[in-house]
Amino acid sequence: MATHQKQAVRIEAPGGKLIEEIFGRVSTQTSDVSVAHMVAPPGWEEPAQRPEFAEITVMVRGHMRIELESGAVELSAGQAIRTEPGERVRYANPYAEENEYYAICLPAFSPDTVHRSD
């Protein structure tokens, strides 16, 4: 059966990042996938993580630096990347302009399965 999601749920995030979950554990109580719209301010960064889920990041506007064990990737508008479960990853916006992107997590994002570094 189809699910028509009419409004995203805003989730508090440190560092001034906007998270609007469209599908996921908070907005639709689903655990198979999460889809969130994100806007990260200039200078935003988060700790490294080693999640139990795959994550697809689709850039809409601006740039993002993604640090992986294999090296860093500079992601620009119109580009996307998929990271795999268990891979160490760190997302940051060290640029002067905010960025905008969508994050799709399989299974859905959970604070208990993201495993952020301290």
PDB file of N, CA and C in Angstrom:
ATOM      1  N   MET A   1       0.841  -1.174   0.000  1.00  0.00           N
ATOM      2  CA  MET A   1       0.000   0.000   0.000  1.00  0.00           C
ATOM      3  C   MET A   1       0.895   1.249   0.000  1.00  0.00           C
ATOM      4  N   ALA A   2       0.558   2.220  -0.758  1.00  0.00           N
ATOM      5  CA  ALA A   2       1.333   3.459  -0.855  1.00  0.00           C
ATOM      6  C   ALA A   2       1.199   4.301   0.407  1.00  0.00           C
ATOM      7  N   THR A   3       2.260   5.032   0.699  1.00  0.00           N
ATOM      8  CA  THR A   3       2.247   5.979   1.817  1.00  0.00           C
ATOM      9  C   THR A   3       2.463   7.372   1.249  1.00  0.00           C
ATOM     10  N   HIS A   4       1.491   8.236   1.415  1.00  0.00           N
ATOM     11  CA  HIS A   4       1.597   9.617   0.949  1.00  0.00           C
ATOM     12  C   HIS A   4       2.038  10.462   2.130  1.00  0.00           C
ATOM     13  N   GLN A   5       3.277  10.878   2.107  1.00  0.00           N
ATOM     14  CA  GLN A   5       3.829  11.676   3.199  1.00  0.00           C
ATOM     15  C   GLN A   5       3.673  13.142   2.821  1.00  0.00           C
ATOM     16  N   LYS A   6       2.860  13.869   3.531  1.00  0.00           N
ATOM     17  CA  LYS A   6       2.535  15.249   3.177  1.00  0.00           C
ATOM     18  C   LYS A   6       3.449  16.285   3.807  1.00  0.00           C
ATOM     19  N   GLN A   7       4.160  15.898   4.873  1.00  0.00           N
ATOM     20  CA  GLN A   7       5.010  16.875   5.549  1.00  0.00           C
ATOM     21  C   GLN A   7       6.161  16.165   6.234  1.00  0.00           C
ATOM     22  N   ALA A   8       7.351  16.708   6.085  1.00  0.00           N
ATOM     23  CA  ALA A   8       8.526  16.176   6.758  1.00  0.00           C
ATOM     24  C   ALA A   8       8.492  16.561   8.233  1.00  0.00           C
ATOM     25  N   VAL A   9       9.248  15.826   9.041  1.00  0.00           N
ATOM     26  CA  VAL A   9       9.372  16.109  10.464  1.00  0.00           C
ATOM     27  C   VAL A   9      10.760  16.694  10.714  1.00  0.00           C
ATOM     28  N   ARG A  10      10.792  17.859  11.329  1.00  0.00           N
ATOM     29  CA  ARG A  10      12.068  18.509  11.644  1.00  0.00           C
ATOM     30  C   ARG A  10      12.683  17.848  12.870  1.00  0.00           C
ATOM     31  N   ILE A  11      13.976  17.527  12.770  1.00  0.00           N
ATOM     32  CA  ILE A  11      14.706  16.866  13.848  1.00  0.00           C
ATOM     33  C   ILE A  11      15.838  17.786  14.285  1.00  0.00           C
ATOM     34  N   GLU A  12      15.986  17.972  15.582  1.00  0.00           N
ATOM     35  CA  GLU A  12      17.054  18.808  16.128  1.00  0.00           C
ATOM     36  C   GLU A  12      18.414  18.199  15.792  1.00  0.00           C
ATOM     37  N   ALA A  13      19.347  19.063  15.382  1.00  0.00           N
ATOM     38  CA  ALA A  13      20.695  18.604  15.052  1.00  0.00           C
ATOM     39  C   ALA A  13      21.704  19.612  15.567  1.00  0.00           C
ATOM     40  N   PRO A  14      22.836  19.131  16.059  1.00  0.00           N
ATOM     41  CA  PRO A  14      23.868  20.061  16.537  1.00  0.00           C
ATOM     42  C   PRO A  14      24.530  20.814  15.394  1.00  0.00           C
ATOM     43  N   GLY A  15      25.092  21.960  15.693  1.00  0.00           N
ATOM     44  CA  GLY A  15      25.865  22.708  14.710  1.00  0.00           C
ATOM     45  C   GLY A  15      25.052  23.508  13.715  1.00  0.00           C
ATOM     46  N   GLY A  16      23.744  23.630  13.946  1.00  0.00           N
ATOM     47  CA  GLY A  16      22.919  24.439  13.053  1.00  0.00           C
ATOM     48  C   GLY A  16      22.462  23.745  11.784  1.00  0.00           C
ATOM     49  N   LYS A  17      22.670  22.435  11.677  1.00  0.00           N
ATOM     50  CA  LYS A  17      22.219  21.702  10.490  1.00  0.00           C
ATOM     51  C   LYS A  17      20.718  21.454  10.570  1.00  0.00           C
ATOM     52  N   LEU A  18      20.027  21.670   9.462  1.00  0.00           N
ATOM     53  CA  LEU A  18      18.599  21.410   9.348  1.00  0.00           C
ATOM     54  C   LEU A  18      18.402  19.976   8.863  1.00  0.00           C
ATOM     55  N   ILE A  19      17.598  19.209   9.574  1.00  0.00           N
ATOM     56  CA  ILE A  19      17.218  17.863   9.150  1.00  0.00           C
ATOM     57  C   ILE A  19      15.705  17.811   9.098  1.00  0.00           C
ATOM     58  N   GLU A  20      15.179  17.445   7.933  1.00  0.00           N
ATOM     59  CA  GLU A  20      13.746  17.244   7.749  1.00  0.00           C
ATOM     60  C   GLU A  20      13.551  15.815   7.238  1.00  0.00           C
ATOM     61  N   GLU A  21      13.121  14.943   8.145  1.00  0.00           N
ATOM     62  CA  GLU A  21      12.929  13.543   7.763  1.00  0.00           C
ATOM     63  C   GLU A  21      11.597  13.377   7.053  1.00  0.00           C
ATOM     64  N   ILE A  22      11.656  12.825   5.858  1.00  0.00           N
ATOM     65  CA  ILE A  22      10.460  12.602   5.041  1.00  0.00           C
ATOM     66  C   ILE A  22       9.890  11.214   5.322  1.00  0.00           C
ATOM     67  N   PHE A  23      10.761  10.209   5.295  1.00  0.00           N
ATOM     68  CA  PHE A  23      10.409   8.843   5.677  1.00  0.00           C
ATOM     69  C   PHE A  23      11.463   8.353   6.657  1.00  0.00           C
ATOM     70  N   GLY A  24      11.046   7.583   7.645  1.00  0.00           N
ATOM     71  CA  GLY A  24      12.009   7.030   8.588  1.00  0.00           C
ATOM     72  C   GLY A  24      11.400   6.747   9.940  1.00  0.00           C
ATOM     73  N   ARG A  25      12.262   6.478  10.887  1.00  0.00           N
ATOM     74  CA  ARG A  25      11.833   6.059  12.221  1.00  0.00           C
ATOM     75  C   ARG A  25      11.029   7.126  12.954  1.00  0.00           C
ATOM     76  N   VAL A  26      11.363   8.405  12.758  1.00  0.00           N
ATOM     77  CA  VAL A  26      10.667   9.493  13.459  1.00  0.00           C
ATOM     78  C   VAL A  26       9.388   9.883  12.723  1.00  0.00           C
ATOM     79  N   SER A  27       9.482  10.105  11.418  1.00  0.00           N
ATOM     80  CA  SER A  27       8.350  10.660  10.668  1.00  0.00           C
ATOM     81  C   SER A  27       7.262   9.651  10.337  1.00  0.00           C
ATOM     82  N   THR A  28       7.630   8.425   9.985  1.00  0.00           N
ATOM     83  CA  THR A  28       6.641   7.429   9.561  1.00  0.00           C
ATOM     84  C   THR A  28       6.744   6.115  10.329  1.00  0.00           C
ATOM     85  N   GLN A  29       7.628   6.083  11.333  1.00  0.00           N
ATOM     86  CA  GLN A  29       7.842   4.886  12.141  1.00  0.00           C
ATOM     87  C   GLN A  29       8.178   3.664  11.286  1.00  0.00           C
ATOM     88  N   THR A  30       8.986   3.870  10.253  1.00  0.00           N
ATOM     89  CA  THR A  30       9.427   2.781   9.387  1.00  0.00           C
ATOM     90  C   THR A  30      10.927   2.576   9.560  1.00  0.00           C
ATOM     91  N   SER A  31      11.360   1.325   9.487  1.00  0.00           N
ATOM     92  CA  SER A  31      12.767   1.028   9.721  1.00  0.00           C
ATOM     93  C   SER A  31      13.511   0.510   8.497  1.00  0.00           C
ATOM     94  N   ASP A  32      12.811   0.304   7.384  1.00  0.00           N
ATOM     95  CA  ASP A  32      13.485  -0.257   6.209  1.00  0.00           C
ATOM     96  C   ASP A  32      14.291   0.781   5.433  1.00  0.00           C
ATOM     97  N   VAL A  33      13.869   2.034   5.460  1.00  0.00           N
ATOM     98  CA  VAL A  33      14.558   3.105   4.741  1.00  0.00           C
ATOM     99  C   VAL A  33      14.244   4.440   5.400  1.00  0.00           C
ATOM    100  N   SER A  34      15.196   5.357   5.332  1.00  0.00           N
ATOM    101  CA  SER A  34      14.897   6.729   5.739  1.00  0.00           C
ATOM    102  C   SER A  34      15.349   7.663   4.633  1.00  0.00           C
ATOM    103  N   VAL A  35      14.592   8.732   4.441  1.00  0.00           N
ATOM    104  CA  VAL A  35      14.896   9.770   3.466  1.00  0.00           C
ATOM    105  C   VAL A  35      14.785  11.096   4.195  1.00  0.00           C
ATOM    106  N   ALA A  36      15.865  11.882   4.142  1.00  0.00           N
ATOM    107  CA  ALA A  36      15.861  13.165   4.845  1.00  0.00           C
ATOM    108  C   ALA A  36      16.447  14.253   3.963  1.00  0.00           C
ATOM    109  N   HIS A  37      15.852  15.430   4.060  1.00  0.00           N
ATOM    110  CA  HIS A  37      16.353  16.630   3.396  1.00  0.00           C
ATOM    111  C   HIS A  37      17.227  17.349   4.411  1.00  0.00           C
ATOM    112  N   MET A  38      18.435  17.753   3.987  1.00  0.00           N
ATOM    113  CA  MET A  38      19.389  18.380   4.901  1.00  0.00           C
ATOM    114  C   MET A  38      19.907  19.693   4.324  1.00  0.00           C
ATOM    115  N   VAL A  39      20.148  20.647   5.211  1.00  0.00           N
ATOM    116  CA  VAL A  39      20.844  21.891   4.853  1.00  0.00           C
ATOM    117  C   VAL A  39      21.898  22.110   5.933  1.00  0.00           C
ATOM    118  N   ALA A  40      23.171  22.150   5.505  1.00  0.00           N
ATOM    119  CA  ALA A  40      24.277  22.316   6.449  1.00  0.00           C
ATOM    120  C   ALA A  40      24.898  23.692   6.270  1.00  0.00           C
ATOM    121  N   PRO A  41      25.061  24.435   7.365  1.00  0.00           N
ATOM    122  CA  PRO A  41      25.632  25.782   7.276  1.00  0.00           C
ATOM    123  C   PRO A  41      27.135  25.730   6.986  1.00  0.00           C
ATOM    124  N   PRO A  42      27.693  26.858   6.574  1.00  0.00           N
ATOM    125  CA  PRO A  42      29.151  26.919   6.372  1.00  0.00           C
ATOM    126  C   PRO A  42      29.882  26.536   7.652  1.00  0.00           C
ATOM    127  N   GLY A  43      30.943  25.744   7.508  1.00  0.00           N
ATOM    128  CA  GLY A  43      31.738  25.353   8.657  1.00  0.00           C
ATOM    129  C   GLY A  43      31.200  24.181   9.444  1.00  0.00           C
ATOM    130  N   TRP A  44      30.060  23.641   9.065  1.00  0.00           N
ATOM    131  CA  TRP A  44      29.463  22.513   9.779  1.00  0.00           C
ATOM    132  C   TRP A  44      30.298  21.246   9.582  1.00  0.00           C
ATOM    133  N   GLU A  45      30.384  20.455  10.617  1.00  0.00           N
ATOM    134  CA  GLU A  45      31.014  19.141  10.530  1.00  0.00           C
ATOM    135  C   GLU A  45      30.437  18.259  11.617  1.00  0.00           C
ATOM    136  N   GLU A  46      30.523  16.960  11.405  1.00  0.00           N
ATOM    137  CA  GLU A  46      30.065  16.035  12.426  1.00  0.00           C
ATOM    138  C   GLU A  46      31.157  15.009  12.684  1.00  0.00           C
ATOM    139  N   PRO A  47      31.086  14.322  13.823  1.00  0.00           N
ATOM    140  CA  PRO A  47      32.105  13.323  14.131  1.00  0.00           C
ATOM    141  C   PRO A  47      32.081  12.182  13.122  1.00  0.00           C
ATOM    142  N   ALA A  48      33.196  11.481  13.025  1.00  0.00           N
ATOM    143  CA  ALA A  48      33.241  10.284  12.179  1.00  0.00           C
ATOM    144  C   ALA A  48      32.248   9.264  12.721  1.00  0.00           C
ATOM    145  N   GLN A  49      31.772   8.424  11.834  1.00  0.00           N
ATOM    146  CA  GLN A  49      30.826   7.390  12.221  1.00  0.00           C
ATOM    147  C   GLN A  49      31.138   6.103  11.467  1.00  0.00           C
ATOM    148  N   ARG A  50      30.649   4.998  11.983  1.00  0.00           N
ATOM    149  CA  ARG A  50      30.782   3.699  11.328  1.00  0.00           C
ATOM    150  C   ARG A  50      29.395   3.038  11.402  1.00  0.00           C
ATOM    151  N   PRO A  51      28.464   3.500  10.544  1.00  0.00           N
ATOM    152  CA  PRO A  51      27.069   3.066  10.652  1.00  0.00           C
ATOM    153  C   PRO A  51      26.832   1.623  10.213  1.00  0.00           C
ATOM    154  N   GLU A  52      25.746   1.073  10.703  1.00  0.00           N
ATOM    155  CA  GLU A  52      25.312  -0.265  10.313  1.00  0.00           C
ATOM    156  C   GLU A  52      24.416  -0.225   9.079  1.00  0.00           C
ATOM    157  N   PHE A  53      24.267   0.936   8.453  1.00  0.00           N
ATOM    158  CA  PHE A  53      23.384   1.094   7.296  1.00  0.00           C
ATOM    159  C   PHE A  53      24.168   1.672   6.119  1.00  0.00           C
ATOM    160  N   ALA A  54      23.688   1.405   4.909  1.00  0.00           N
ATOM    161  CA  ALA A  54      24.216   2.069   3.715  1.00  0.00           C
ATOM    162  C   ALA A  54      23.609   3.461   3.664  1.00  0.00           C
ATOM    163  N   GLU A  55      24.365   4.434   3.139  1.00  0.00           N
ATOM    164  CA  GLU A  55      23.833   5.791   3.022  1.00  0.00           C
ATOM    165  C   GLU A  55      24.142   6.338   1.643  1.00  0.00           C
ATOM    166  N   ILE A  56      23.112   6.852   1.002  1.00  0.00           N
ATOM    167  CA  ILE A  56      23.247   7.515  -0.298  1.00  0.00           C
ATOM    168  C   ILE A  56      23.054   9.006  -0.056  1.00  0.00           C
ATOM    169  N   THR A  57      24.034   9.796  -0.454  1.00  0.00           N
ATOM    170  CA  THR A  57      23.981  11.247  -0.307  1.00  0.00           C
ATOM    171  C   THR A  57      23.850  11.850  -1.694  1.00  0.00           C
ATOM    172  N   VAL A  58      22.802  12.638  -1.925  1.00  0.00           N
ATOM    173  CA  VAL A  58      22.544  13.276  -3.214  1.00  0.00           C
ATOM    174  C   VAL A  58      22.614  14.788  -3.009  1.00  0.00           C
ATOM    175  N   MET A  59      23.640  15.418  -3.592  1.00  0.00           N
ATOM    176  CA  MET A  59      23.832  16.864  -3.436  1.00  0.00           C
ATOM    177  C   MET A  59      22.888  17.641  -4.354  1.00  0.00           C
ATOM    178  N   VAL A  60      22.211  18.616  -3.782  1.00  0.00           N
ATOM    179  CA  VAL A  60      21.308  19.492  -4.526  1.00  0.00           C
ATOM    180  C   VAL A  60      21.976  20.836  -4.803  1.00  0.00           C
ATOM    181  N   ARG A  61      22.673  21.344  -3.774  1.00  0.00           N
ATOM    182  CA  ARG A  61      23.261  22.680  -3.879  1.00  0.00           C
ATOM    183  C   ARG A  61      24.516  22.721  -3.021  1.00  0.00           C
ATOM    184  N   GLY A  62      25.548  23.385  -3.540  1.00  0.00           N
ATOM    185  CA  GLY A  62      26.781  23.556  -2.782  1.00  0.00           C
ATOM    186  C   GLY A  62      27.719  22.375  -2.902  1.00  0.00           C
ATOM    187  N   HIS A  63      28.561  22.211  -1.868  1.00  0.00           N
ATOM    188  CA  HIS A  63      29.590  21.181  -1.855  1.00  0.00           C
ATOM    189  C   HIS A  63      29.646  20.543  -0.470  1.00  0.00           C
ATOM    190  N   MET A  64      30.180  19.320  -0.416  1.00  0.00           N
ATOM    191  CA  MET A  64      30.401  18.642   0.849  1.00  0.00           C
ATOM    192  C   MET A  64      31.691  17.838   0.749  1.00  0.00           C
ATOM    193  N   ARG A  65      32.410  17.796   1.857  1.00  0.00           N
ATOM    194  CA  ARG A  65      33.616  16.975   1.943  1.00  0.00           C
ATOM    195  C   ARG A  65      33.247  15.719   2.725  1.00  0.00           C
ATOM    196  N   ILE A  66      33.550  14.565   2.147  1.00  0.00           N
ATOM    197  CA  ILE A  66      33.257  13.291   2.775  1.00  0.00           C
ATOM    198  C   ILE A  66      34.576  12.551   2.942  1.00  0.00           C
ATOM    199  N   GLU A  67      34.942  12.323   4.191  1.00  0.00           N
ATOM    200  CA  GLU A  67      36.197  11.638   4.494  1.00  0.00           C
ATOM    201  C   GLU A  67      35.911  10.161   4.725  1.00  0.00           C
ATOM    202  N   LEU A  68      36.584   9.335   3.930  1.00  0.00           N
ATOM    203  CA  LEU A  68      36.444   7.888   4.006  1.00  0.00           C
ATOM    204  C   LEU A  68      37.792   7.281   4.379  1.00  0.00           C
ATOM    205  N   GLU A  69      37.806   6.022   4.739  1.00  0.00           N
ATOM    206  CA  GLU A  69      39.072   5.348   5.020  1.00  0.00           C
ATOM    207  C   GLU A  69      39.972   5.346   3.791  1.00  0.00           C
ATOM    208  N   SER A  70      39.369   5.317   2.617  1.00  0.00           N
ATOM    209  CA  SER A  70      40.135   5.275   1.365  1.00  0.00           C
ATOM    210  C   SER A  70      40.568   6.653   0.872  1.00  0.00           C
ATOM    211  N   GLY A  71      40.161   7.724   1.551  1.00  0.00           N
ATOM    212  CA  GLY A  71      40.499   9.079   1.144  1.00  0.00           C
ATOM    213  C   GLY A  71      39.278   9.977   1.161  1.00  0.00           C
ATOM    214  N   ALA A  72      39.471  11.229   0.799  1.00  0.00           N
ATOM    215  CA  ALA A  72      38.382  12.206   0.834  1.00  0.00           C
ATOM    216  C   ALA A  72      37.738  12.352  -0.547  1.00  0.00           C
ATOM    217  N   VAL A  73      36.435  12.642  -0.528  1.00  0.00           N
ATOM    218  CA  VAL A  73      35.668  12.895  -1.746  1.00  0.00           C
ATOM    219  C   VAL A  73      35.046  14.274  -1.610  1.00  0.00           C
ATOM    220  N   GLU A  74      35.169  15.092  -2.640  1.00  0.00           N
ATOM    221  CA  GLU A  74      34.503  16.393  -2.693  1.00  0.00           C
ATOM    222  C   GLU A  74      33.251  16.202  -3.542  1.00  0.00           C
ATOM    223  N   LEU A  75      32.100  16.337  -2.922  1.00  0.00           N
ATOM    224  CA  LEU A  75      30.833  16.133  -3.611  1.00  0.00           C
ATOM    225  C   LEU A  75      30.233  17.490  -3.954  1.00  0.00           C
ATOM    226  N   SER A  76      29.801  17.654  -5.207  1.00  0.00           N
ATOM    227  CA  SER A  76      29.214  18.907  -5.687  1.00  0.00           C
ATOM    228  C   SER A  76      27.769  18.681  -6.090  1.00  0.00           C
ATOM    229  N   ALA A  77      27.028  19.771  -6.270  1.00  0.00           N
ATOM    230  CA  ALA A  77      25.635  19.703  -6.699  1.00  0.00           C
ATOM    231  C   ALA A  77      25.513  18.837  -7.938  1.00  0.00           C
ATOM    232  N   GLY A  78      24.502  17.963  -7.934  1.00  0.00           N
ATOM    233  CA  GLY A  78      24.279  17.060  -9.055  1.00  0.00           C
ATOM    234  C   GLY A  78      25.013  15.733  -8.922  1.00  0.00           C
ATOM    235  N   GLN A  79      25.867  15.594  -7.912  1.00  0.00           N
ATOM    236  CA  GLN A  79      26.605  14.356  -7.705  1.00  0.00           C
ATOM    237  C   GLN A  79      26.028  13.590  -6.517  1.00  0.00           C
ATOM    238  N   ALA A  80      26.394  12.306  -6.432  1.00  0.00           N
ATOM    239  CA  ALA A  80      25.920  11.462  -5.340  1.00  0.00           C
ATOM    240  C   ALA A  80      27.005  10.462  -4.967  1.00  0.00           C
ATOM    241  N   ILE A  81      26.894   9.927  -3.763  1.00  0.00           N
ATOM    242  CA  ILE A  81      27.812   8.896  -3.288  1.00  0.00           C
ATOM    243  C   ILE A  81      27.025   7.920  -2.429  1.00  0.00           C
ATOM    244  N   ARG A  82      27.445   6.667  -2.464  1.00  0.00           N
ATOM    245  CA  ARG A  82      26.867   5.645  -1.587  1.00  0.00           C
ATOM    246  C   ARG A  82      27.986   5.100  -0.711  1.00  0.00           C
ATOM    247  N   THR A  83      27.770   5.111   0.600  1.00  0.00           N
ATOM    248  CA  THR A  83      28.700   4.490   1.530  1.00  0.00           C
ATOM    249  C   THR A  83      28.056   3.214   2.050  1.00  0.00           C
ATOM    250  N   GLU A  84      28.892   2.246   2.388  1.00  0.00           N
ATOM    251  CA  GLU A  84      28.393   0.929   2.783  1.00  0.00           C
ATOM    252  C   GLU A  84      28.405   0.755   4.297  1.00  0.00           C
ATOM    253  N   PRO A  85      27.588  -0.154   4.822  1.00  0.00           N
ATOM    254  CA  PRO A  85      27.578  -0.422   6.258  1.00  0.00           C
ATOM    255  C   PRO A  85      28.979  -0.811   6.740  1.00  0.00           C
ATOM    256  N   GLY A  86      29.346  -0.304   7.903  1.00  0.00           N
ATOM    257  CA  GLY A  86      30.639  -0.634   8.488  1.00  0.00           C
ATOM    258  C   GLY A  86      31.787   0.228   8.015  1.00  0.00           C
ATOM    259  N   GLU A  87      31.552   1.062   6.995  1.00  0.00           N
ATOM    260  CA  GLU A  87      32.602   1.940   6.471  1.00  0.00           C
ATOM    261  C   GLU A  87      32.692   3.197   7.336  1.00  0.00           C
ATOM    262  N   ARG A  88      33.917   3.564   7.717  1.00  0.00           N
ATOM    263  CA  ARG A  88      34.110   4.792   8.491  1.00  0.00           C
ATOM    264  C   ARG A  88      33.921   5.979   7.549  1.00  0.00           C
ATOM    265  N   VAL A  89      33.082   6.938   7.967  1.00  0.00           N
ATOM    266  CA  VAL A  89      32.769   8.096   7.131  1.00  0.00           C
ATOM    267  C   VAL A  89      32.588   9.318   8.024  1.00  0.00           C
ATOM    268  N   ARG A  90      32.979  10.462   7.483  1.00  0.00           N
ATOM    269  CA  ARG A  90      32.797  11.738   8.198  1.00  0.00           C
ATOM    270  C   ARG A  90      32.336  12.777   7.184  1.00  0.00           C
ATOM    271  N   TYR A  91      31.224  13.453   7.477  1.00  0.00           N
ATOM    272  CA  TYR A  91      30.644  14.465   6.602  1.00  0.00           C
ATOM    273  C   TYR A  91      30.965  15.856   7.137  1.00  0.00           C
ATOM    274  N   ALA A  92      31.283  16.795   6.226  1.00  0.00           N
ATOM    275  CA  ALA A  92      31.599  18.165   6.644  1.00  0.00           C
ATOM    276  C   ALA A  92      31.305  19.144   5.511  1.00  0.00           C
ATOM    277  N   ASN A  93      31.014  20.373   5.897  1.00  0.00           N
ATOM    278  CA  ASN A  93      30.871  21.478   4.946  1.00  0.00           C
ATOM    279  C   ASN A  93      31.867  22.566   5.340  1.00  0.00           C
ATOM    280  N   PRO A  94      33.130  22.434   4.902  1.00  0.00           N
ATOM    281  CA  PRO A  94      34.144  23.428   5.265  1.00  0.00           C
ATOM    282  C   PRO A  94      34.107  24.665   4.371  1.00  0.00           C
ATOM    283  N   TYR A  95      33.094  24.786   3.560  1.00  0.00           N
ATOM    284  CA  TYR A  95      33.018  25.856   2.566  1.00  0.00           C
ATOM    285  C   TYR A  95      32.290  27.082   3.099  1.00  0.00           C
ATOM    286  N   ALA A  96      32.363  28.188   2.362  1.00  0.00           N
ATOM    287  CA  ALA A  96      31.795  29.467   2.796  1.00  0.00           C
ATOM    288  C   ALA A  96      30.282  29.555   2.582  1.00  0.00           C
ATOM    289  N   GLU A  97      29.701  28.635   1.801  1.00  0.00           N
ATOM    290  CA  GLU A  97      28.259  28.649   1.541  1.00  0.00           C
ATOM    291  C   GLU A  97      27.606  27.403   2.138  1.00  0.00           C
ATOM    292  N   GLU A  98      26.337  27.530   2.526  1.00  0.00           N
ATOM    293  CA  GLU A  98      25.618  26.360   3.008  1.00  0.00           C
ATOM    294  C   GLU A  98      25.446  25.361   1.868  1.00  0.00           C
ATOM    295  N   ASN A  99      25.198  24.114   2.224  1.00  0.00           N
ATOM    296  CA  ASN A  99      24.911  23.115   1.204  1.00  0.00           C
ATOM    297  C   ASN A  99      23.547  22.495   1.474  1.00  0.00           C
ATOM    298  N   GLU A 100      23.028  21.819   0.472  1.00  0.00           N
ATOM    299  CA  GLU A 100      21.718  21.182   0.572  1.00  0.00           C
ATOM    300  C   GLU A 100      21.822  19.813  -0.070  1.00  0.00           C
ATOM    301  N   TYR A 101      21.264  18.820   0.605  1.00  0.00           N
ATOM    302  CA  TYR A 101      21.356  17.463   0.079  1.00  0.00           C
ATOM    303  C   TYR A 101      20.261  16.578   0.659  1.00  0.00           C
ATOM    304  N   TYR A 102      20.116  15.406   0.069  1.00  0.00           N
ATOM    305  CA  TYR A 102      19.215  14.379   0.578  1.00  0.00           C
ATOM    306  C   TYR A 102      20.053  13.197   1.031  1.00  0.00           C
ATOM    307  N   ALA A 103      19.662  12.597   2.139  1.00  0.00           N
ATOM    308  CA  ALA A 103      20.310  11.394   2.644  1.00  0.00           C
ATOM    309  C   ALA A 103      19.284  10.268   2.671  1.00  0.00           C
ATOM    310  N   ILE A 104      19.642   9.155   2.042  1.00  0.00           N
ATOM    311  CA  ILE A 104      18.800   7.966   2.021  1.00  0.00           C
ATOM    312  C   ILE A 104      19.572   6.870   2.744  1.00  0.00           C
ATOM    313  N   CYS A 105      19.001   6.313   3.799  1.00  0.00           N
ATOM    314  CA  CYS A 105      19.678   5.283   4.584  1.00  0.00           C
ATOM    315  C   CYS A 105      18.904   3.970   4.497  1.00  0.00           C
ATOM    316  N   LEU A 106      19.653   2.869   4.290  1.00  0.00           N
ATOM    317  CA  LEU A 106      19.086   1.532   4.151  1.00  0.00           C
ATOM    318  C   LEU A 106      19.817   0.579   5.083  1.00  0.00           C
ATOM    319  N   PRO A 107      19.218   0.049   6.144  1.00  0.00           N
ATOM    320  CA  PRO A 107      17.905   0.412   6.670  1.00  0.00           C
ATOM    321  C   PRO A 107      17.913   1.824   7.239  1.00  0.00           C
ATOM    322  N   ALA A 108      16.807   2.233   7.791  1.00  0.00           N
ATOM    323  CA  ALA A 108      16.629   3.610   8.242  1.00  0.00           C
ATOM    324  C   ALA A 108      17.672   4.023   9.283  1.00  0.00           C
ATOM    325  N   PHE A 109      18.027   5.314   9.238  1.00  0.00           N
ATOM    326  CA  PHE A 109      18.937   5.903  10.221  1.00  0.00           C
ATOM    327  C   PHE A 109      18.409   5.668  11.621  1.00  0.00           C
ATOM    328  N   SER A 110      19.323   5.393  12.522  1.00  0.00           N
ATOM    329  CA  SER A 110      18.993   5.271  13.936  1.00  0.00           C
ATOM    330  C   SER A 110      20.188   5.741  14.750  1.00  0.00           C
ATOM    331  N   PRO A 111      19.971   6.516  15.809  1.00  0.00           N
ATOM    332  CA  PRO A 111      21.079   6.911  16.679  1.00  0.00           C
ATOM    333  C   PRO A 111      21.811   5.704  17.268  1.00  0.00           C
ATOM    334  N   ASP A 112      21.101   4.580  17.413  1.00  0.00           N
ATOM    335  CA  ASP A 112      21.697   3.377  17.985  1.00  0.00           C
ATOM    336  C   ASP A 112      22.579   2.614  16.996  1.00  0.00           C
ATOM    337  N   THR A 113      22.440   2.890  15.688  1.00  0.00           N
ATOM    338  CA  THR A 113      23.212   2.138  14.692  1.00  0.00           C
ATOM    339  C   THR A 113      24.186   2.995  13.903  1.00  0.00           C
ATOM    340  N   VAL A 114      24.305   4.302  14.229  1.00  0.00           N
ATOM    341  CA  VAL A 114      25.211   5.181  13.497  1.00  0.00           C
ATOM    342  C   VAL A 114      26.647   5.076  14.026  1.00  0.00           C
ATOM    343  N   HIS A 115      26.808   4.803  15.305  1.00  0.00           N
ATOM    344  CA  HIS A 115      28.113   4.618  15.938  1.00  0.00           C
ATOM    345  C   HIS A 115      29.070   5.779  15.666  1.00  0.00           C
ATOM    346  N   ARG A 116      28.691   6.969  16.147  1.00  0.00           N
ATOM    347  CA  ARG A 116      29.540   8.155  16.010  1.00  0.00           C
ATOM    348  C   ARG A 116      30.713   8.105  16.982  1.00  0.00           C
ATOM    349  N   SER A 117      31.845   8.630  16.547  1.00  0.00           N
ATOM    350  CA  SER A 117      33.013   8.740  17.418  1.00  0.00           C
ATOM    351  C   SER A 117      32.783   9.863  18.423  1.00  0.00           C
ATOM    352  N   ASP A 118      33.444   9.794  19.544  1.00  0.00           N
ATOM    353  CA  ASP A 118      33.313  10.845  20.560  1.00  0.00           C
ATOM    354  C   ASP A 118      34.132  12.047  20.188  1.00  0.00           C
TER     355      ASP A 118
END
